[in-house]
Amino acid sequence: MSLFDETDAASPVPVRIDVRRGNPTDEELAAIVAVVTEAYAAEQAGAVAAPARRPSGWQLTRRALRTSIDRRGGWGGFRG
């Protein structure tokens, strides 16, 4: 496990850590980086898209809606 994305290992982006309080040791900083990196990797692995649902049998057999009737022509075309 590394701090950098494996796809762009040639030019890694440096990580910036701001300590707001206290004076952590190098081991403490390394521990928090390891914990956060592992949590990020676990979240990234779990963030997968849901598989596409297949249409049901009802959706496959439904018919298209009827188009509206053109009433401008009147009864002129009727020869009955």
PDB file of N, CA and C in Angstrom:
ATOM      1  N   MET A   1       0.844  -1.161   0.000  1.00  0.00           N
ATOM      2  CA  MET A   1       0.000   0.000   0.000  1.00  0.00           C
ATOM      3  C   MET A   1       0.892   1.227   0.000  1.00  0.00           C
ATOM      4  N   SER A   2       0.574   2.188  -0.855  1.00  0.00           N
ATOM      5  CA  SER A   2       1.376   3.400  -0.909  1.00  0.00           C
ATOM      6  C   SER A   2       0.468   4.612  -0.802  1.00  0.00           C
ATOM      7  N   LEU A   3       1.082   5.748  -0.581  1.00  0.00           N
ATOM      8  CA  LEU A   3       0.321   6.988  -0.473  1.00  0.00           C
ATOM      9  C   LEU A   3      -0.100   7.518  -1.829  1.00  0.00           C
ATOM     10  N   PHE A   4       0.507   7.032  -2.865  1.00  0.00           N
ATOM     11  CA  PHE A   4       0.280   7.576  -4.186  1.00  0.00           C
ATOM     12  C   PHE A   4      -0.507   6.597  -5.037  1.00  0.00           C
ATOM     13  N   ASP A   5      -1.199   7.152  -6.001  1.00  0.00           N
ATOM     14  CA  ASP A   5      -1.963   6.333  -6.933  1.00  0.00           C
ATOM     15  C   ASP A   5      -0.994   5.511  -7.780  1.00  0.00           C
ATOM     16  N   GLU A   6      -1.249   4.214  -7.879  1.00  0.00           N
ATOM     17  CA  GLU A   6      -0.345   3.336  -8.615  1.00  0.00           C
ATOM     18  C   GLU A   6      -0.344   3.630 -10.110  1.00  0.00           C
ATOM     19  N   THR A   7      -1.394   4.250 -10.636  1.00  0.00           N
ATOM     20  CA  THR A   7      -1.462   4.517 -12.065  1.00  0.00           C
ATOM     21  C   THR A   7      -0.529   5.648 -12.477  1.00  0.00           C
ATOM     22  N   ASP A   8      -0.197   6.538 -11.548  1.00  0.00           N
ATOM     23  CA  ASP A   8       0.645   7.678 -11.879  1.00  0.00           C
ATOM     24  C   ASP A   8       1.860   7.705 -10.957  1.00  0.00           C
ATOM     25  N   ALA A   9       2.573   6.591 -10.883  1.00  0.00           N
ATOM     26  CA  ALA A   9       3.707   6.469  -9.976  1.00  0.00           C
ATOM     27  C   ALA A   9       4.901   7.295 -10.437  1.00  0.00           C
ATOM     28  N   ALA A  10       4.945   7.696 -11.702  1.00  0.00           N
ATOM     29  CA  ALA A  10       6.086   8.450 -12.201  1.00  0.00           C
ATOM     30  C   ALA A  10       6.122   9.865 -11.624  1.00  0.00           C
ATOM     31  N   SER A  11       4.966  10.473 -11.419  1.00  0.00           N
ATOM     32  CA  SER A  11       4.919  11.838 -10.887  1.00  0.00           C
ATOM     33  C   SER A  11       3.949  11.897  -9.705  1.00  0.00           C
ATOM     34  N   PRO A  12       4.361  11.425  -8.529  1.00  0.00           N
ATOM     35  CA  PRO A  12       3.461  11.435  -7.374  1.00  0.00           C
ATOM     36  C   PRO A  12       3.224  12.847  -6.858  1.00  0.00           C
ATOM     37  N   VAL A  13       2.037  13.068  -6.334  1.00  0.00           N
ATOM     38  CA  VAL A  13       1.678  14.353  -5.753  1.00  0.00           C
ATOM     39  C   VAL A  13       2.055  14.314  -4.276  1.00  0.00           C
ATOM     40  N   PRO A  14       2.804  15.287  -3.778  1.00  0.00           N
ATOM     41  CA  PRO A  14       3.186  15.257  -2.365  1.00  0.00           C
ATOM     42  C   PRO A  14       1.975  15.444  -1.460  1.00  0.00           C
ATOM     43  N   VAL A  15       2.027  14.801  -0.310  1.00  0.00           N
ATOM     44  CA  VAL A  15       0.945  14.879   0.663  1.00  0.00           C
ATOM     45  C   VAL A  15       1.292  15.949   1.682  1.00  0.00           C
ATOM     46  N   ARG A  16       0.332  16.805   1.991  1.00  0.00           N
ATOM     47  CA  ARG A  16       0.557  17.865   2.966  1.00  0.00           C
ATOM     48  C   ARG A  16      -0.231  17.539   4.220  1.00  0.00           C
ATOM     49  N   ILE A  17       0.441  17.560   5.348  1.00  0.00           N
ATOM     50  CA  ILE A  17      -0.199  17.297   6.634  1.00  0.00           C
ATOM     51  C   ILE A  17       0.018  18.516   7.517  1.00  0.00           C
ATOM     52  N   ASP A  18      -1.079  19.106   7.983  1.00  0.00           N
ATOM     53  CA  ASP A  18      -1.006  20.249   8.895  1.00  0.00           C
ATOM     54  C   ASP A  18      -1.326  19.770  10.300  1.00  0.00           C
ATOM     55  N   VAL A  19      -0.405  19.960  11.221  1.00  0.00           N
ATOM     56  CA  VAL A  19      -0.614  19.608  12.626  1.00  0.00           C
ATOM     57  C   VAL A  19      -1.113  20.860  13.327  1.00  0.00           C
ATOM     58  N   ARG A  20      -2.324  20.791  13.887  1.00  0.00           N
ATOM     59  CA  ARG A  20      -2.939  21.954  14.522  1.00  0.00           C
ATOM     60  C   ARG A  20      -2.545  22.096  15.991  1.00  0.00           C
ATOM     61  N   ARG A  21      -2.390  20.976  16.679  1.00  0.00           N
ATOM     62  CA  ARG A  21      -2.044  21.007  18.102  1.00  0.00           C
ATOM     63  C   ARG A  21      -1.025  19.930  18.407  1.00  0.00           C
ATOM     64  N   GLY A  22      -0.253  20.148  19.418  1.00  0.00           N
ATOM     65  CA  GLY A  22       0.681  19.136  19.876  1.00  0.00           C
ATOM     66  C   GLY A  22       1.937  19.079  19.026  1.00  0.00           C
ATOM     67  N   ASN A  23       2.736  18.096  19.329  1.00  0.00           N
ATOM     68  CA  ASN A  23       4.004  17.914  18.636  1.00  0.00           C
ATOM     69  C   ASN A  23       4.180  16.418  18.367  1.00  0.00           C
ATOM     70  N   PRO A  24       3.530  15.886  17.309  1.00  0.00           N
ATOM     71  CA  PRO A  24       3.606  14.445  17.062  1.00  0.00           C
ATOM     72  C   PRO A  24       4.992  14.027  16.585  1.00  0.00           C
ATOM     73  N   THR A  25       5.333  12.809  16.923  1.00  0.00           N
ATOM     74  CA  THR A  25       6.610  12.254  16.470  1.00  0.00           C
ATOM     75  C   THR A  25       6.463  11.747  15.043  1.00  0.00           C
ATOM     76  N   ASP A  26       7.570  11.410  14.443  1.00  0.00           N
ATOM     77  CA  ASP A  26       7.533  10.867  13.082  1.00  0.00           C
ATOM     78  C   ASP A  26       6.765   9.553  13.034  1.00  0.00           C
ATOM     79  N   GLU A  27       6.877   8.747  14.085  1.00  0.00           N
ATOM     80  CA  GLU A  27       6.154   7.472  14.141  1.00  0.00           C
ATOM     81  C   GLU A  27       4.647   7.704  14.227  1.00  0.00           C
ATOM     82  N   GLU A  28       4.228   8.713  14.994  1.00  0.00           N
ATOM     83  CA  GLU A  28       2.799   9.021  15.106  1.00  0.00           C
ATOM     84  C   GLU A  28       2.247   9.526  13.779  1.00  0.00           C
ATOM     85  N   LEU A  29       2.998  10.359  13.102  1.00  0.00           N
ATOM     86  CA  LEU A  29       2.565  10.829  11.780  1.00  0.00           C
ATOM     87  C   LEU A  29       2.489   9.674  10.785  1.00  0.00           C
ATOM     88  N   ALA A  30       3.466   8.783  10.831  1.00  0.00           N
ATOM     89  CA  ALA A  30       3.445   7.622   9.939  1.00  0.00           C
ATOM     90  C   ALA A  30       2.250   6.731  10.243  1.00  0.00           C
ATOM     91  N   ALA A  31       1.897   6.588  11.520  1.00  0.00           N
ATOM     92  CA  ALA A  31       0.754   5.758  11.898  1.00  0.00           C
ATOM     93  C   ALA A  31      -0.546   6.355  11.384  1.00  0.00           C
ATOM     94  N   ILE A  32      -0.731   7.660  11.532  1.00  0.00           N
ATOM     95  CA  ILE A  32      -1.979   8.273  11.068  1.00  0.00           C
ATOM     96  C   ILE A  32      -2.074   8.230   9.546  1.00  0.00           C
ATOM     97  N   VAL A  33      -0.951   8.397   8.866  1.00  0.00           N
ATOM     98  CA  VAL A  33      -0.962   8.301   7.402  1.00  0.00           C
ATOM     99  C   VAL A  33      -1.324   6.884   6.975  1.00  0.00           C
ATOM    100  N   ALA A  34      -0.804   5.887   7.676  1.00  0.00           N
ATOM    101  CA  ALA A  34      -1.124   4.494   7.339  1.00  0.00           C
ATOM    102  C   ALA A  34      -2.595   4.198   7.577  1.00  0.00           C
ATOM    103  N   VAL A  35      -3.153   4.693   8.686  1.00  0.00           N
ATOM    104  CA  VAL A  35      -4.567   4.448   8.996  1.00  0.00           C
ATOM    105  C   VAL A  35      -5.465   5.131   7.978  1.00  0.00           C
ATOM    106  N   VAL A  36      -5.174   6.378   7.661  1.00  0.00           N
ATOM    107  CA  VAL A  36      -6.003   7.111   6.698  1.00  0.00           C
ATOM    108  C   VAL A  36      -5.883   6.497   5.307  1.00  0.00           C
ATOM    109  N   THR A  37      -4.694   6.076   4.930  1.00  0.00           N
ATOM    110  CA  THR A  37      -4.502   5.446   3.624  1.00  0.00           C
ATOM    111  C   THR A  37      -5.285   4.145   3.526  1.00  0.00           C
ATOM    112  N   GLU A  38      -5.253   3.341   4.576  1.00  0.00           N
ATOM    113  CA  GLU A  38      -5.997   2.079   4.577  1.00  0.00           C
ATOM    114  C   GLU A  38      -7.500   2.327   4.531  1.00  0.00           C
ATOM    115  N   ALA A  39      -7.974   3.323   5.283  1.00  0.00           N
ATOM    116  CA  ALA A  39      -9.403   3.646   5.261  1.00  0.00           C
ATOM    117  C   ALA A  39      -9.829   4.134   3.878  1.00  0.00           C
ATOM    118  N   TYR A  40      -8.991   4.940   3.251  1.00  0.00           N
ATOM    119  CA  TYR A  40      -9.301   5.422   1.908  1.00  0.00           C
ATOM    120  C   TYR A  40      -9.335   4.274   0.905  1.00  0.00           C
ATOM    121  N   ALA A  41      -8.376   3.371   1.002  1.00  0.00           N
ATOM    122  CA  ALA A  41      -8.333   2.226   0.082  1.00  0.00           C
ATOM    123  C   ALA A  41      -9.550   1.331   0.274  1.00  0.00           C
ATOM    124  N   ALA A  42      -9.973   1.129   1.527  1.00  0.00           N
ATOM    125  CA  ALA A  42     -11.159   0.307   1.785  1.00  0.00           C
ATOM    126  C   ALA A  42     -12.410   0.977   1.234  1.00  0.00           C
ATOM    127  N   GLU A  43     -12.517   2.286   1.398  1.00  0.00           N
ATOM    128  CA  GLU A  43     -13.673   3.004   0.867  1.00  0.00           C
ATOM    129  C   GLU A  43     -13.687   2.974  -0.655  1.00  0.00           C
ATOM    130  N   GLN A  44     -12.520   3.124  -1.251  1.00  0.00           N
ATOM    131  CA  GLN A  44     -12.424   3.102  -2.706  1.00  0.00           C
ATOM    132  C   GLN A  44     -12.782   1.724  -3.261  1.00  0.00           C
ATOM    133  N   ALA A  45     -12.364   0.674  -2.571  1.00  0.00           N
ATOM    134  CA  ALA A  45     -12.675  -0.683  -3.028  1.00  0.00           C
ATOM    135  C   ALA A  45     -14.163  -0.977  -2.904  1.00  0.00           C
ATOM    136  N   GLY A  46     -14.811  -0.397  -1.913  1.00  0.00           N
ATOM    137  CA  GLY A  46     -16.234  -0.642  -1.717  1.00  0.00           C
ATOM    138  C   GLY A  46     -17.130   0.235  -2.566  1.00  0.00           C
ATOM    139  N   ALA A  47     -16.578   1.245  -3.190  1.00  0.00           N
ATOM    140  CA  ALA A  47     -17.373   2.181  -3.980  1.00  0.00           C
ATOM    141  C   ALA A  47     -17.460   1.698  -5.420  1.00  0.00           C
ATOM    142  N   VAL A  48     -18.274   0.695  -5.650  1.00  0.00           N
ATOM    143  CA  VAL A  48     -18.477   0.182  -7.003  1.00  0.00           C
ATOM    144  C   VAL A  48     -19.904   0.488  -7.424  1.00  0.00           C
ATOM    145  N   ALA A  49     -20.082   0.697  -8.687  1.00  0.00           N
ATOM    146  CA  ALA A  49     -21.412   0.989  -9.210  1.00  0.00           C
ATOM    147  C   ALA A  49     -22.278  -0.265  -9.153  1.00  0.00           C
ATOM    148  N   ALA A  50     -23.548  -0.046  -8.909  1.00  0.00           N
ATOM    149  CA  ALA A  50     -24.481  -1.166  -8.889  1.00  0.00           C
ATOM    150  C   ALA A  50     -24.595  -1.747 -10.297  1.00  0.00           C
ATOM    151  N   PRO A  51     -24.731  -3.058 -10.407  1.00  0.00           N
ATOM    152  CA  PRO A  51     -24.850  -3.645 -11.743  1.00  0.00           C
ATOM    153  C   PRO A  51     -26.139  -3.174 -12.423  1.00  0.00           C
ATOM    154  N   ALA A  52     -26.066  -3.050 -13.723  1.00  0.00           N
ATOM    155  CA  ALA A  52     -27.233  -2.611 -14.480  1.00  0.00           C
ATOM    156  C   ALA A  52     -28.327  -3.670 -14.386  1.00  0.00           C
ATOM    157  N   ARG A  53     -29.542  -3.217 -14.111  1.00  0.00           N
ATOM    158  CA  ARG A  53     -30.654  -4.154 -13.993  1.00  0.00           C
ATOM    159  C   ARG A  53     -31.195  -4.500 -15.366  1.00  0.00           C
ATOM    160  N   ARG A  54     -31.499  -5.766 -15.540  1.00  0.00           N
ATOM    161  CA  ARG A  54     -32.117  -6.193 -16.789  1.00  0.00           C
ATOM    162  C   ARG A  54     -33.583  -5.791 -16.764  1.00  0.00           C
ATOM    163  N   PRO A  55     -34.142  -5.424 -17.916  1.00  0.00           N
ATOM    164  CA  PRO A  55     -35.569  -5.105 -17.943  1.00  0.00           C
ATOM    165  C   PRO A  55     -36.396  -6.359 -17.667  1.00  0.00           C
ATOM    166  N   SER A  56     -37.501  -6.172 -16.968  1.00  0.00           N
ATOM    167  CA  SER A  56     -38.364  -7.302 -16.642  1.00  0.00           C
ATOM    168  C   SER A  56     -39.142  -7.739 -17.884  1.00  0.00           C
ATOM    169  N   GLY A  57     -39.809  -8.847 -17.772  1.00  0.00           N
ATOM    170  CA  GLY A  57     -40.630  -9.337 -18.870  1.00  0.00           C
ATOM    171  C   GLY A  57     -41.745  -8.371 -19.227  1.00  0.00           C
ATOM    172  N   TRP A  58     -42.291  -7.703 -18.225  1.00  0.00           N
ATOM    173  CA  TRP A  58     -43.346  -6.723 -18.483  1.00  0.00           C
ATOM    174  C   TRP A  58     -42.798  -5.548 -19.284  1.00  0.00           C
ATOM    175  N   GLN A  59     -41.614  -5.103 -18.976  1.00  0.00           N
ATOM    176  CA  GLN A  59     -41.036  -3.979 -19.704  1.00  0.00           C
ATOM    177  C   GLN A  59     -40.653  -4.366 -21.130  1.00  0.00           C
ATOM    178  N   LEU A  60     -40.238  -5.589 -21.346  1.00  0.00           N
ATOM    179  CA  LEU A  60     -39.844  -6.019 -22.682  1.00  0.00           C
ATOM    180  C   LEU A  60     -41.032  -6.148 -23.621  1.00  0.00           C
ATOM    181  N   THR A  61     -42.194  -6.514 -23.090  1.00  0.00           N
ATOM    182  CA  THR A  61     -43.347  -6.770 -23.952  1.00  0.00           C
ATOM    183  C   THR A  61     -44.303  -5.595 -24.051  1.00  0.00           C
ATOM    184  N   ARG A  62     -44.025  -4.496 -23.426  1.00  0.00           N
ATOM    185  CA  ARG A  62     -44.963  -3.374 -23.483  1.00  0.00           C
ATOM    186  C   ARG A  62     -44.983  -2.774 -24.885  1.00  0.00           C
ATOM    187  N   ARG A  63     -46.108  -2.270 -25.239  1.00  0.00           N
ATOM    188  CA  ARG A  63     -46.278  -1.682 -26.565  1.00  0.00           C
ATOM    189  C   ARG A  63     -46.041  -0.176 -26.508  1.00  0.00           C
ATOM    190  N   ALA A  64     -45.729   0.380 -27.650  1.00  0.00           N
ATOM    191  CA  ALA A  64     -45.545   1.827 -27.733  1.00  0.00           C
ATOM    192  C   ALA A  64     -46.897   2.520 -27.620  1.00  0.00           C
ATOM    193  N   LEU A  65     -46.892   3.746 -27.152  1.00  0.00           N
ATOM    194  CA  LEU A  65     -48.131   4.509 -27.048  1.00  0.00           C
ATOM    195  C   LEU A  65     -48.654   4.848 -28.436  1.00  0.00           C
ATOM    196  N   ARG A  66     -49.988   4.926 -28.544  1.00  0.00           N
ATOM    197  CA  ARG A  66     -50.593   5.303 -29.821  1.00  0.00           C
ATOM    198  C   ARG A  66     -50.322   6.766 -30.108  1.00  0.00           C
ATOM    199  N   THR A  67     -50.176   7.077 -31.380  1.00  0.00           N
ATOM    200  CA  THR A  67     -50.025   8.478 -31.764  1.00  0.00           C
ATOM    201  C   THR A  67     -51.401   9.112 -31.831  1.00  0.00           C
ATOM    202  N   SER A  68     -51.442  10.414 -31.727  1.00  0.00           N
ATOM    203  CA  SER A  68     -52.731  11.101 -31.753  1.00  0.00           C
ATOM    204  C   SER A  68     -53.312  11.082 -33.169  1.00  0.00           C
ATOM    205  N   ILE A  69     -54.608  11.205 -33.248  1.00  0.00           N
ATOM    206  CA  ILE A  69     -55.318  11.180 -34.530  1.00  0.00           C
ATOM    207  C   ILE A  69     -55.296  12.581 -35.126  1.00  0.00           C
ATOM    208  N   ASP A  70     -55.015  12.657 -36.413  1.00  0.00           N
ATOM    209  CA  ASP A  70     -55.020  13.943 -37.102  1.00  0.00           C
ATOM    210  C   ASP A  70     -56.454  14.232 -37.522  1.00  0.00           C
ATOM    211  N   ARG A  71     -57.098  15.164 -36.869  1.00  0.00           N
ATOM    212  CA  ARG A  71     -58.520  15.452 -37.115  1.00  0.00           C
ATOM    213  C   ARG A  71     -58.724  16.594 -38.117  1.00  0.00           C
ATOM    214  N   ARG A  72     -57.659  17.100 -38.689  1.00  0.00           N
ATOM    215  CA  ARG A  72     -57.811  18.213 -39.630  1.00  0.00           C
ATOM    216  C   ARG A  72     -58.475  17.773 -40.933  1.00  0.00           C
ATOM    217  N   GLY A  73     -58.331  16.528 -41.298  1.00  0.00           N
ATOM    218  CA  GLY A  73     -58.865  16.062 -42.569  1.00  0.00           C
ATOM    219  C   GLY A  73     -60.378  15.857 -42.565  1.00  0.00           C
ATOM    220  N   GLY A  74     -60.977  15.741 -41.409  1.00  0.00           N
ATOM    221  CA  GLY A  74     -62.417  15.518 -41.331  1.00  0.00           C
ATOM    222  C   GLY A  74     -62.784  14.144 -41.868  1.00  0.00           C
ATOM    223  N   TRP A  75     -64.009  14.056 -42.466  1.00  0.00           N
ATOM    224  CA  TRP A  75     -64.505  12.788 -42.995  1.00  0.00           C
ATOM    225  C   TRP A  75     -64.294  12.688 -44.499  1.00  0.00           C
ATOM    226  N   GLY A  76     -63.542  13.577 -45.064  1.00  0.00           N
ATOM    227  CA  GLY A  76     -63.385  13.615 -46.511  1.00  0.00           C
ATOM    228  C   GLY A  76     -62.787  12.346 -47.095  1.00  0.00           C
ATOM    229  N   GLY A  77     -61.951  11.659 -46.375  1.00  0.00           N
ATOM    230  CA  GLY A  77     -61.322  10.461 -46.901  1.00  0.00           C
ATOM    231  C   GLY A  77     -62.176   9.220 -46.711  1.00  0.00           C
ATOM    232  N   PHE A  78     -63.314   9.356 -46.055  1.00  0.00           N
ATOM    233  CA  PHE A  78     -64.158   8.201 -45.777  1.00  0.00           C
ATOM    234  C   PHE A  78     -65.099   7.961 -46.952  1.00  0.00           C
ATOM    235  N   ARG A  79     -65.052   6.773 -47.495  1.00  0.00           N
ATOM    236  CA  ARG A  79     -65.936   6.412 -48.614  1.00  0.00           C
ATOM    237  C   ARG A  79     -66.714   5.177 -48.209  1.00  0.00           C
ATOM    238  N   GLY A  80     -67.685   5.319 -47.405  1.00  0.00           N
ATOM    239  CA  GLY A  80     -68.327   4.142 -46.899  1.00  0.00           C
ATOM    240  C   GLY A  80     -69.717   4.063 -47.142  1.00  0.00           C
TER     241      GLY A  80
END
